[in-house]
């Protein structure tokens, strides 16, 4: 059997098509019997490939469509009970797509002769090395640093999976690299660190930073993620962006901008409740405070965070001191009374229809827990003015991919030293602006991730914000005429 063959438990499958590799005794078992058994258990054979065989043994790959992943269990169990039939392995298209990883590095120019070799490597490359030695800023123009982002994780907080460690986290980071390239033509490389020690992570990233124009932190658990990002922002001269925090915050604020247009409310007059004060909850709250929200309440397992109370987590202590101006106490339901906006970043099925009824007129509900929202959109469709979730099978998905490609495209193109709050606000406004006034409705406050205008709009407004706030070290040519 090929060493790259994938052998997986049935619980891993997510596609509607699988490939079954079967080895059976063709003298005692007719293929028709196998085909009938698969059909009886919910499978539809759409392709057959003979891998090997002799007079008595046949090895075949059967591509089988199923309507439900539970059908795979039934089929494999039935095959396992069949004499003289061996199920060698089962794989689906998702696993096949990951064979050997999802990304690769290719040279921009071919090396066809000795002259080419000398210019890209030795001896002529020495001239470029010395030019960078004399002026380190030339690394931004003469190396991949100009357009290269490191996608870095320790695998401690992978969405929906938790602390799975560096090796299992790699497919997620590779996927992120694919999105960077496809949506914004940003080159990136996935790096999963085999440590969850805060100081070691900071030290390692600082050591590899010379090769990169930006650092995208991903899936690092709270509260460690706050110190890691904060320290790196202070100690590096390239942008550092923890996407789980700020990507979520930017897209959430973009959605809120458009939701407020529908209900006709002013952001300064809102009462906002944020449920789930982890990395994303704190970042979402910070961007809302920066945008002008005055009355914001955070709710966690302790209840409503209140400056009168003490918290072991320093970020929660900061949160309590900077929110809840009326020092309200109680639980989530107490916080919701009279609220204009609910933002859920916690867990599923926390709320019911009656809870939403206690909110202010035309409530805005962003129930973003995944995979199960804090409340089902179907349950409140007639009483909520606008609903958003973190899921792709409902309207108004709050999806980070709307933000990070354009954010880094802009930051790299102006050689920003930081991604600051003004740049995040600008990115949110850019995303919101994609939806024109005549298109806006309660089911369409967030554009599709495949809208080709998003990156261009974010890039423009992020660069303008970087120039205004003096973190841009290069002004792209098209922006010179504006100054």
Protein backbone atom coordinates (compact mmCIF):
# COMPACT_ATOMS: atom_id res chain seq x y z
CA UNK A 1 0.00 0.00 0.00
CA UNK A 2 1.24 3.53 -0.81
CA UNK A 3 2.81 5.09 2.33
CA UNK A 4 0.77 8.25 1.80
CA UNK A 5 -2.48 6.31 2.12
CA UNK A 6 -4.86 7.94 4.56
CA UNK A 7 -6.46 5.77 7.20
CA UNK A 8 -9.03 7.69 9.21
CA UNK A 9 -11.88 7.03 11.58
CA UNK A 10 -15.31 7.60 10.13
CA UNK A 11 -15.94 10.48 12.54
CA UNK A 12 -13.38 12.54 10.59
CA UNK A 13 -15.31 12.66 7.33
CA UNK A 14 -17.02 15.82 6.19
CA UNK A 15 -17.54 15.31 2.47
CA UNK A 16 -20.39 13.66 0.56
CA UNK A 17 -18.06 11.51 -1.51
CA UNK A 18 -15.59 8.90 -0.26
CA UNK A 19 -13.14 6.49 -1.82
CA UNK A 20 -13.14 2.91 -0.52
CA UNK A 21 -10.12 0.77 -1.29
CA UNK A 22 -11.22 -2.87 -1.19
CA UNK A 23 -9.23 -6.06 -1.47
CA UNK A 24 -11.37 -9.12 -2.06
CA UNK A 25 -11.12 -12.67 -3.21
CA UNK A 26 -12.55 -12.57 -6.71
CA UNK A 27 -13.03 -16.33 -6.78
CA UNK A 28 -15.29 -16.46 -3.72
CA UNK A 29 -16.80 -12.95 -3.82
CA UNK A 30 -18.34 -11.43 -6.92
CA UNK A 31 -18.07 -7.67 -7.35
CA UNK A 32 -21.84 -7.47 -7.80
CA UNK A 33 -22.27 -8.66 -4.23
CA UNK A 34 -20.04 -5.86 -2.97
CA UNK A 35 -21.85 -3.27 -5.09
CA UNK A 36 -25.26 -4.41 -3.82
CA UNK A 37 -24.10 -4.28 -0.22
CA UNK A 38 -22.87 -0.69 -0.67
CA UNK A 39 -26.14 0.33 -2.33
CA UNK A 40 -28.27 -1.27 0.39
CA UNK A 41 -26.45 0.81 3.01
CA UNK A 42 -26.90 4.18 1.35
CA UNK A 43 -23.98 4.38 -1.07
CA UNK A 44 -23.97 5.12 -4.78
CA UNK A 45 -20.90 3.89 -6.67
CA UNK A 46 -19.91 6.51 -9.25
CA UNK A 47 -16.44 5.31 -10.27
CA UNK A 48 -14.33 2.14 -10.11
CA UNK A 49 -10.53 2.06 -10.46
CA UNK A 50 -8.64 -1.23 -10.52
CA UNK A 51 -5.43 -0.79 -8.53
CA UNK A 52 -3.94 -4.27 -8.78
CA UNK A 53 -4.91 -7.90 -8.90
CA UNK A 54 -4.27 -11.44 -10.01
CA UNK A 55 -6.43 -14.47 -10.69
CA UNK A 56 -7.72 -14.64 -7.13
CA UNK A 57 -7.21 -11.22 -5.52
CA UNK A 58 -8.57 -7.88 -6.76
CA UNK A 59 -7.80 -4.45 -5.29
CA UNK A 60 -10.14 -1.66 -6.38
CA UNK A 61 -10.86 1.94 -5.45
CA UNK A 62 -14.59 2.65 -5.39
CA UNK A 63 -15.74 6.28 -5.40
CA UNK A 64 -19.00 6.31 -3.49
CA UNK A 65 -21.45 9.17 -3.00
CA UNK A 66 -23.40 9.26 0.26
CA UNK A 67 -26.20 11.54 1.41
CA UNK A 68 -25.03 11.54 5.02
CA UNK A 69 -21.74 10.77 6.75
CA UNK A 70 -23.58 8.19 8.88
CA UNK A 71 -23.93 6.14 5.68
CA UNK A 72 -20.15 5.68 5.69
CA UNK A 73 -20.34 3.96 9.06
CA UNK A 74 -23.06 1.61 7.82
CA UNK A 75 -21.16 0.76 4.64
CA UNK A 76 -17.84 0.11 6.36
CA UNK A 77 -19.48 -1.97 9.09
CA UNK A 78 -21.28 -4.07 6.49
CA UNK A 79 -18.08 -4.57 4.48
CA UNK A 80 -16.25 -5.53 7.67
CA UNK A 81 -18.75 -8.34 8.26
CA UNK A 82 -18.37 -9.71 4.72
CA UNK A 83 -16.07 -12.76 4.38
CA UNK A 84 -13.15 -12.47 1.97
CA UNK A 85 -13.51 -8.65 1.71
CA UNK A 86 -10.88 -6.42 3.26
CA UNK A 87 -11.43 -2.68 3.60
CA UNK A 88 -7.90 -1.37 3.11
CA UNK A 89 -8.71 2.27 3.77
CA UNK A 90 -11.34 4.98 3.40
CA UNK A 91 -10.62 8.54 2.35
CA UNK A 92 -12.63 11.53 1.19
CA UNK A 93 -11.89 14.46 -1.08
CA UNK A 94 -10.94 16.69 1.84
CA UNK A 95 -8.23 14.28 2.97
CA UNK A 96 -7.04 13.76 -0.59
CA UNK A 97 -6.72 17.54 -1.00
CA UNK A 98 -4.38 17.58 2.01
CA UNK A 99 -1.99 14.91 0.71
CA UNK A 100 1.49 16.43 0.92
CA UNK A 101 0.05 19.68 2.26
CA UNK A 102 -1.95 22.37 0.50
CA UNK A 103 0.77 24.86 -0.41
CA UNK A 104 4.18 24.88 -2.09
CA UNK A 105 6.99 27.32 -2.86
CA UNK A 106 7.92 27.96 -6.47
CA UNK A 107 10.69 30.19 -7.89
CA UNK A 108 9.69 33.37 -9.71
CA UNK A 109 12.24 32.73 -12.44
CA UNK A 110 13.75 29.49 -13.75
CA UNK A 111 17.44 28.67 -13.35
CA UNK A 112 18.45 27.51 -16.82
CA UNK A 113 22.20 28.08 -17.03
CA UNK A 114 25.31 29.01 -15.03
CA UNK A 115 24.67 32.72 -15.48
CA UNK A 116 21.24 32.37 -13.88
CA UNK A 117 22.74 30.30 -11.09
CA UNK A 118 25.41 32.89 -10.34
CA UNK A 119 22.86 35.72 -10.15
CA UNK A 120 20.37 33.97 -7.85
CA UNK A 121 23.02 32.26 -5.73
CA UNK A 122 26.78 32.47 -5.83
CA UNK A 123 28.77 34.59 -6.53
CA UNK A 124 26.57 37.53 -7.65
CA UNK A 125 24.11 37.19 -4.76
CA UNK A 126 26.87 38.52 -2.48
CA UNK A 127 26.35 41.99 -3.94
CA UNK A 128 22.71 41.93 -2.81
CA UNK A 129 23.68 40.65 0.64
CA UNK A 130 26.17 43.48 1.10
CA UNK A 131 23.67 46.07 -0.09
CA UNK A 132 21.25 44.91 2.64
CA UNK A 133 24.11 44.88 5.17
CA UNK A 134 24.84 48.53 4.36
CA UNK A 135 21.13 49.45 4.45
CA UNK A 136 18.93 46.92 6.34
CA UNK A 137 15.77 48.61 5.03
CA UNK A 138 16.61 47.20 1.60
CA UNK A 139 15.51 43.79 2.91
CA UNK A 140 11.95 45.05 2.33
CA UNK A 141 12.63 45.43 -1.40
CA UNK A 142 15.28 42.82 -2.14
CA UNK A 143 13.91 39.78 -0.26
CA UNK A 144 10.60 38.02 0.28
CA UNK A 145 10.10 40.21 3.36
CA UNK A 146 8.33 42.69 1.06
CA UNK A 147 5.34 40.40 0.64
CA UNK A 148 5.73 37.61 3.20
CA UNK A 149 3.69 36.99 6.35
CA UNK A 150 4.32 34.33 8.98
CA UNK A 151 1.17 32.49 10.07
CA UNK A 152 2.15 31.33 13.55
CA UNK A 153 0.33 29.15 16.07
CA UNK A 154 1.06 26.89 19.01
CA UNK A 155 -2.12 24.88 18.39
CA UNK A 156 -3.51 25.73 21.82
CA UNK A 157 -6.90 27.14 20.78
CA UNK A 158 -7.88 25.82 17.35
CA UNK A 159 -11.48 26.76 16.54
CA UNK A 160 -13.84 23.96 17.50
CA UNK A 161 -10.97 21.64 18.45
CA UNK A 162 -9.23 23.31 21.39
CA UNK A 163 -5.66 22.54 22.46
CA UNK A 164 -4.61 20.01 19.81
CA UNK A 165 -0.95 21.03 19.58
CA UNK A 166 1.32 22.04 16.69
CA UNK A 167 1.16 19.05 14.32
CA UNK A 168 -2.67 18.83 14.08
CA UNK A 169 -2.87 22.64 13.78
CA UNK A 170 -0.79 22.74 10.59
CA UNK A 171 -3.67 22.11 8.14
CA UNK A 172 -5.44 25.18 9.53
CA UNK A 173 -2.35 27.35 9.11
CA UNK A 174 -1.80 26.04 5.59
CA UNK A 175 -5.40 26.95 4.79
CA UNK A 176 -4.77 30.45 6.10
CA UNK A 177 -1.77 30.75 3.81
CA UNK A 178 -3.93 29.74 0.85
CA UNK A 179 -6.48 32.44 1.70
CA UNK A 180 -3.77 35.10 1.96
CA UNK A 181 -2.53 34.23 -1.51
CA UNK A 182 -5.86 33.78 -3.26
CA UNK A 183 -7.62 36.84 -1.88
CA UNK A 184 -4.78 39.39 -1.58
CA UNK A 185 -1.72 37.92 -3.35
CA UNK A 186 0.12 37.95 -0.02
CA UNK A 187 2.74 35.22 0.33
CA UNK A 188 2.74 33.52 3.71
CA UNK A 189 4.21 30.52 5.45
CA UNK A 190 2.62 28.37 8.17
CA UNK A 191 4.70 27.89 11.32
CA UNK A 192 3.49 25.79 14.25
CA UNK A 193 5.64 26.05 17.36
CA UNK A 194 6.20 23.05 19.59
CA UNK A 195 5.90 25.06 22.80
CA UNK A 196 3.15 26.79 24.73
CA UNK A 197 5.53 28.76 26.93
CA UNK A 198 4.81 32.47 26.50
CA UNK A 199 8.42 33.64 26.75
CA UNK A 200 9.69 30.95 24.42
CA UNK A 201 7.05 31.81 21.81
CA UNK A 202 7.94 35.50 21.96
CA UNK A 203 11.65 34.75 21.75
CA UNK A 204 11.22 32.35 18.82
CA UNK A 205 9.08 34.77 16.80
CA UNK A 206 11.57 37.58 17.38
CA UNK A 207 14.37 35.32 16.10
CA UNK A 208 12.56 34.45 12.84
CA UNK A 209 11.05 37.91 12.25
CA UNK A 210 13.81 39.18 9.87
CA UNK A 211 12.40 36.96 7.10
CA UNK A 212 8.88 38.41 7.31
CA UNK A 213 7.06 41.66 6.65
CA UNK A 214 4.28 40.81 9.12
CA UNK A 215 3.23 38.30 11.77
CA UNK A 216 -0.26 36.77 11.84
CA UNK A 217 -0.84 35.04 15.18
CA UNK A 218 -3.46 32.32 15.09
CA UNK A 219 -5.23 29.98 17.51
CA UNK A 220 -3.22 30.87 20.63
CA UNK A 221 -5.17 30.48 23.85
CA UNK A 222 -6.30 33.26 26.17
CA UNK A 223 -4.94 34.97 28.23
CA UNK A 224 -1.46 34.11 26.86
CA UNK A 225 -2.37 35.54 23.46
CA UNK A 226 -2.70 39.06 24.91
CA UNK A 227 0.82 39.19 26.34
CA UNK A 228 2.34 37.51 23.28
CA UNK A 229 0.78 40.00 20.89
CA UNK A 230 1.41 43.02 23.12
CA UNK A 231 5.07 42.20 23.65
CA UNK A 232 5.70 41.45 19.98
CA UNK A 233 4.04 44.71 18.94
CA UNK A 234 6.39 46.56 21.29
CA UNK A 235 9.55 44.65 20.39
CA UNK A 236 9.21 44.19 16.60
CA UNK A 237 9.12 46.83 13.88
CA UNK A 238 6.68 44.90 11.66
CA UNK A 239 2.90 44.54 12.07
CA UNK A 240 1.70 41.85 14.46
CA UNK A 241 -1.96 40.86 14.23
CA UNK A 242 -3.77 38.20 16.26
CA UNK A 243 -6.55 37.36 13.84
CA UNK A 244 -8.77 35.53 16.33
CA UNK A 245 -9.02 38.79 18.24
CA UNK A 246 -8.88 41.58 15.73
CA UNK A 247 -10.12 39.89 12.56
CA UNK A 248 -13.30 38.97 14.39
CA UNK A 249 -13.56 42.47 15.85
CA UNK A 250 -13.16 44.21 12.49
CA UNK A 251 -15.79 42.10 10.72
CA UNK A 252 -18.18 42.35 13.67
CA UNK A 253 -17.92 46.15 13.65
CA UNK A 254 -18.43 46.21 9.87
CA UNK A 255 -21.66 44.27 10.36
CA UNK A 256 -22.77 46.57 13.16
CA UNK A 257 -22.18 49.66 11.03
CA UNK A 258 -24.66 48.36 8.48
CA UNK A 259 -27.08 46.95 11.06
CA UNK A 260 -27.35 50.39 12.66
CA UNK A 261 -28.27 51.89 9.29
CA UNK A 262 -31.21 49.48 9.12
CA UNK A 263 -32.54 50.22 12.62
CA UNK A 264 -31.71 53.93 12.50
CA UNK A 265 -29.76 54.03 15.77
CA UNK A 266 -26.61 56.00 16.66
CA UNK A 267 -23.62 54.06 17.95
CA UNK A 268 -23.10 56.58 20.77
CA UNK A 269 -26.57 55.86 22.18
CA UNK A 270 -26.38 52.06 22.23
CA UNK A 271 -26.44 49.65 25.10
CA UNK A 272 -24.28 46.71 23.99
CA UNK A 273 -23.90 43.36 25.75
CA UNK A 274 -20.89 41.18 24.95
CA UNK A 275 -21.13 37.60 26.20
CA UNK A 276 -17.84 35.68 26.39
CA UNK A 277 -14.88 37.75 27.53
CA UNK A 278 -12.06 35.81 25.94
CA UNK A 279 -9.65 36.94 23.24
CA UNK A 280 -12.32 37.77 20.65
CA UNK A 281 -14.71 39.26 23.20
CA UNK A 282 -12.12 41.69 24.50
CA UNK A 283 -10.99 42.70 21.00
CA UNK A 284 -14.59 43.22 19.87
CA UNK A 285 -15.25 45.34 22.93
CA UNK A 286 -12.14 47.45 22.34
CA UNK A 287 -13.06 48.26 18.77
CA UNK A 288 -16.62 49.14 19.80
CA UNK A 289 -15.33 51.45 22.53
CA UNK A 290 -12.97 53.06 20.02
CA UNK A 291 -15.89 53.48 17.61
CA UNK A 292 -17.92 55.39 20.20
CA UNK A 293 -19.98 52.90 22.22
CA UNK A 294 -20.45 54.36 25.71
CA UNK A 295 -22.60 51.79 27.49
CA UNK A 296 -21.01 48.36 27.06
CA UNK A 297 -21.48 45.43 29.43
CA UNK A 298 -19.35 42.30 29.40
CA UNK A 299 -20.72 39.01 30.70
CA UNK A 300 -18.66 35.94 31.50
CA UNK A 301 -18.98 32.94 33.80
CA UNK A 302 -18.68 35.33 36.76
CA UNK A 303 -21.68 37.32 35.51
CA UNK A 304 -21.56 40.98 34.47
CA UNK A 305 -18.01 42.27 34.84
CA UNK A 306 -18.00 45.12 37.32
CA UNK A 307 -15.21 47.45 38.46
CA UNK A 308 -16.38 46.93 42.06
CA UNK A 309 -15.21 43.31 41.87
CA UNK A 310 -11.73 41.75 41.71
CA UNK A 311 -10.62 39.36 38.93
CA UNK A 312 -7.56 37.13 38.81
CA UNK A 313 -7.29 37.57 35.04
CA UNK A 314 -5.67 41.00 34.44
CA UNK A 315 -7.51 41.43 31.12
CA UNK A 316 -10.85 40.96 32.86
CA UNK A 317 -9.76 43.49 35.47
CA UNK A 318 -8.99 45.94 32.67
CA UNK A 319 -12.30 45.13 31.02
CA UNK A 320 -14.30 45.75 34.20
CA UNK A 321 -12.56 49.09 34.72
CA UNK A 322 -13.27 50.31 31.18
CA UNK A 323 -16.87 49.13 30.67
CA UNK A 324 -20.18 49.01 32.54
CA UNK A 325 -20.29 52.72 33.46
CA UNK A 326 -23.41 52.27 35.62
CA UNK A 327 -21.81 49.40 37.59
CA UNK A 328 -24.65 47.02 36.79
CA UNK A 329 -24.41 43.59 38.43
CA UNK A 330 -26.18 40.29 37.78
CA UNK A 331 -26.20 37.66 35.05
CA UNK A 332 -26.67 37.63 31.28
CA UNK A 333 -30.41 38.09 31.48
CA UNK A 334 -29.99 41.11 33.74
CA UNK A 335 -27.55 42.60 31.25
CA UNK A 336 -29.88 42.03 28.29
CA UNK A 337 -32.78 44.09 29.63
CA UNK A 338 -33.09 47.16 27.43
CA UNK A 339 -29.99 46.29 25.38
CA UNK A 340 -29.86 47.37 21.74
CA UNK A 341 -27.18 44.90 20.69
CA UNK A 342 -26.21 41.40 21.82
CA UNK A 343 -22.83 40.02 20.78
CA UNK A 344 -22.29 36.36 21.58
CA UNK A 345 -18.82 34.83 21.62
CA UNK A 346 -19.49 32.11 24.15
CA UNK A 347 -21.42 28.87 23.68
CA UNK A 348 -24.57 27.57 22.06
CA UNK A 349 -28.16 27.72 23.29
CA UNK A 350 -27.60 30.24 26.07
CA UNK A 351 -30.68 32.32 25.23
CA UNK A 352 -34.33 31.85 24.37
CA UNK A 353 -36.99 33.88 22.63
CA UNK A 354 -38.19 35.52 25.85
CA UNK A 355 -34.67 36.79 26.58
CA UNK A 356 -34.58 38.65 23.27
CA UNK A 357 -38.00 40.14 24.00
CA UNK A 358 -36.50 41.94 27.02
CA UNK A 359 -34.11 43.85 24.75
CA UNK A 360 -34.83 47.31 23.33
CA UNK A 361 -36.96 47.92 20.24
CA UNK A 362 -35.43 46.52 17.04
CA UNK A 363 -32.78 44.38 18.75
CA UNK A 364 -29.58 43.46 16.90
CA UNK A 365 -28.40 39.93 17.70
CA UNK A 366 -24.95 38.70 16.71
CA UNK A 367 -25.00 35.08 17.98
CA UNK A 368 -21.51 34.04 16.88
CA UNK A 369 -20.80 30.88 18.87
CA UNK A 370 -19.74 28.00 16.60
CA UNK A 371 -21.03 25.56 15.60
CA UNK A 372 -24.18 26.27 17.65
CA UNK A 373 -25.22 29.93 18.07
CA UNK A 374 -26.26 31.31 21.45
CA UNK A 375 -29.78 31.33 20.03
CA UNK A 376 -31.10 29.86 16.80
CA UNK A 377 -31.90 32.53 14.17
CA UNK A 378 -35.16 30.72 13.31
CA UNK A 379 -36.33 31.21 16.88
CA UNK A 380 -36.16 35.01 16.76
CA UNK A 381 -36.44 35.88 13.08
CA UNK A 382 -39.69 37.78 13.64
CA UNK A 383 -38.56 39.79 16.67
CA UNK A 384 -34.89 40.63 15.94
CA UNK A 385 -34.26 43.48 13.51
CA UNK A 386 -30.92 42.01 12.36
CA UNK A 387 -29.30 38.64 13.07
CA UNK A 388 -25.73 37.55 12.35
CA UNK A 389 -23.89 34.33 13.22
CA UNK A 390 -20.51 32.70 12.73
CA UNK A 391 -21.96 30.07 10.40
CA UNK A 392 -21.93 29.96 6.63
CA UNK A 393 -25.39 28.39 6.34
CA UNK A 394 -27.14 31.50 7.70
CA UNK A 395 -27.14 35.03 6.28
CA UNK A 396 -24.62 37.55 7.66
CA UNK A 397 -21.70 35.32 8.57
CA UNK A 398 -19.04 37.09 10.65
CA UNK A 399 -16.00 35.59 8.94
CA UNK A 400 -12.40 36.69 9.59
CA UNK A 401 -11.41 36.03 5.98
CA UNK A 402 -13.18 39.27 5.11
CA UNK A 403 -10.50 41.13 7.05
CA UNK A 404 -7.01 39.68 7.28
CA UNK A 405 -6.02 39.44 3.58
CA UNK A 406 -6.83 43.08 2.87
CA UNK A 407 -5.46 44.23 6.22
CA UNK A 408 -2.04 42.73 5.53
CA UNK A 409 -2.12 43.78 1.87
CA UNK A 410 -2.45 47.38 3.01
CA UNK A 411 0.06 47.07 5.85
CA UNK A 412 2.71 45.49 3.60
CA UNK A 413 2.21 47.95 0.75
CA UNK A 414 2.82 50.96 3.01
CA UNK A 415 5.45 49.06 5.04
CA UNK A 416 3.54 49.75 8.25
CA UNK A 417 5.36 49.29 11.54
CA UNK A 418 2.13 48.40 13.34
CA UNK A 419 -1.56 47.64 12.84
CA UNK A 420 -3.24 50.12 15.14
CA UNK A 421 -6.84 50.74 16.18
CA UNK A 422 -7.37 53.39 13.49
CA UNK A 423 -6.37 50.90 10.80
CA UNK A 424 -8.81 48.33 12.22
CA UNK A 425 -11.65 50.85 12.26
CA UNK A 426 -10.78 51.81 8.68
CA UNK A 427 -10.87 48.16 7.60
CA UNK A 428 -14.31 47.71 9.17
CA UNK A 429 -15.64 50.81 7.42
CA UNK A 430 -14.20 49.53 4.14
CA UNK A 431 -15.97 46.18 4.51
CA UNK A 432 -19.25 47.86 5.42
CA UNK A 433 -19.03 50.21 2.43
CA UNK A 434 -19.03 47.31 -0.04
CA UNK A 435 -22.79 46.95 0.44
CA UNK A 436 -24.52 49.87 -1.27
CA UNK A 437 -27.53 51.58 0.35
CA UNK A 438 -29.98 50.13 -2.16
CA UNK A 439 -28.67 46.60 -1.45
CA UNK A 440 -28.72 46.79 2.33
CA UNK A 441 -31.32 44.73 4.21
CA UNK A 442 -31.56 42.64 7.38
CA UNK A 443 -30.29 39.56 5.55
CA UNK A 444 -27.40 41.37 3.84
CA UNK A 445 -25.21 43.45 6.12
CA UNK A 446 -21.95 41.59 5.38
CA UNK A 447 -20.55 41.04 1.86
CA UNK A 448 -19.54 37.65 0.52
CA UNK A 449 -15.95 36.59 1.16
CA UNK A 450 -15.65 36.13 -2.61
CA UNK A 451 -16.47 39.76 -3.39
CA UNK A 452 -13.41 40.96 -5.28
CA UNK A 453 -13.85 44.58 -4.16
CA UNK A 454 -13.18 43.85 -0.49
CA UNK A 455 -9.38 43.61 -0.48
CA UNK A 456 -9.01 46.66 -2.71
CA UNK A 457 -11.30 48.72 -0.46
CA UNK A 458 -9.61 47.59 2.78
CA UNK A 459 -6.14 48.18 1.33
CA UNK A 460 -6.97 51.76 0.39
CA UNK A 461 -8.52 52.74 3.71
CA UNK A 462 -5.91 50.90 5.81
CA UNK A 463 -3.05 52.67 3.99
CA UNK A 464 -4.77 56.04 4.44
CA UNK A 465 -5.18 55.33 8.17
CA UNK A 466 -1.54 54.22 8.45
CA UNK A 467 -0.37 57.44 6.78
CA UNK A 468 -2.60 59.57 9.04
CA UNK A 469 -1.31 57.87 12.18
CA UNK A 470 2.33 57.96 11.00
CA UNK A 471 3.00 54.21 11.08
CA UNK A 472 3.46 54.03 7.28
CA UNK A 473 7.14 53.97 6.34
CA UNK A 474 6.43 54.00 2.62
CA UNK A 475 3.74 55.90 0.76
CA UNK A 476 2.60 54.01 -2.35
CA UNK A 477 2.76 56.07 -5.52
CA UNK A 478 -1.00 56.42 -5.93
CA UNK A 479 -1.26 58.00 -2.48
CA UNK A 480 1.44 60.65 -3.04
CA UNK A 481 -0.97 62.86 -4.99
CA UNK A 482 -3.32 62.92 -1.98
CA UNK A 483 -0.72 64.60 0.24
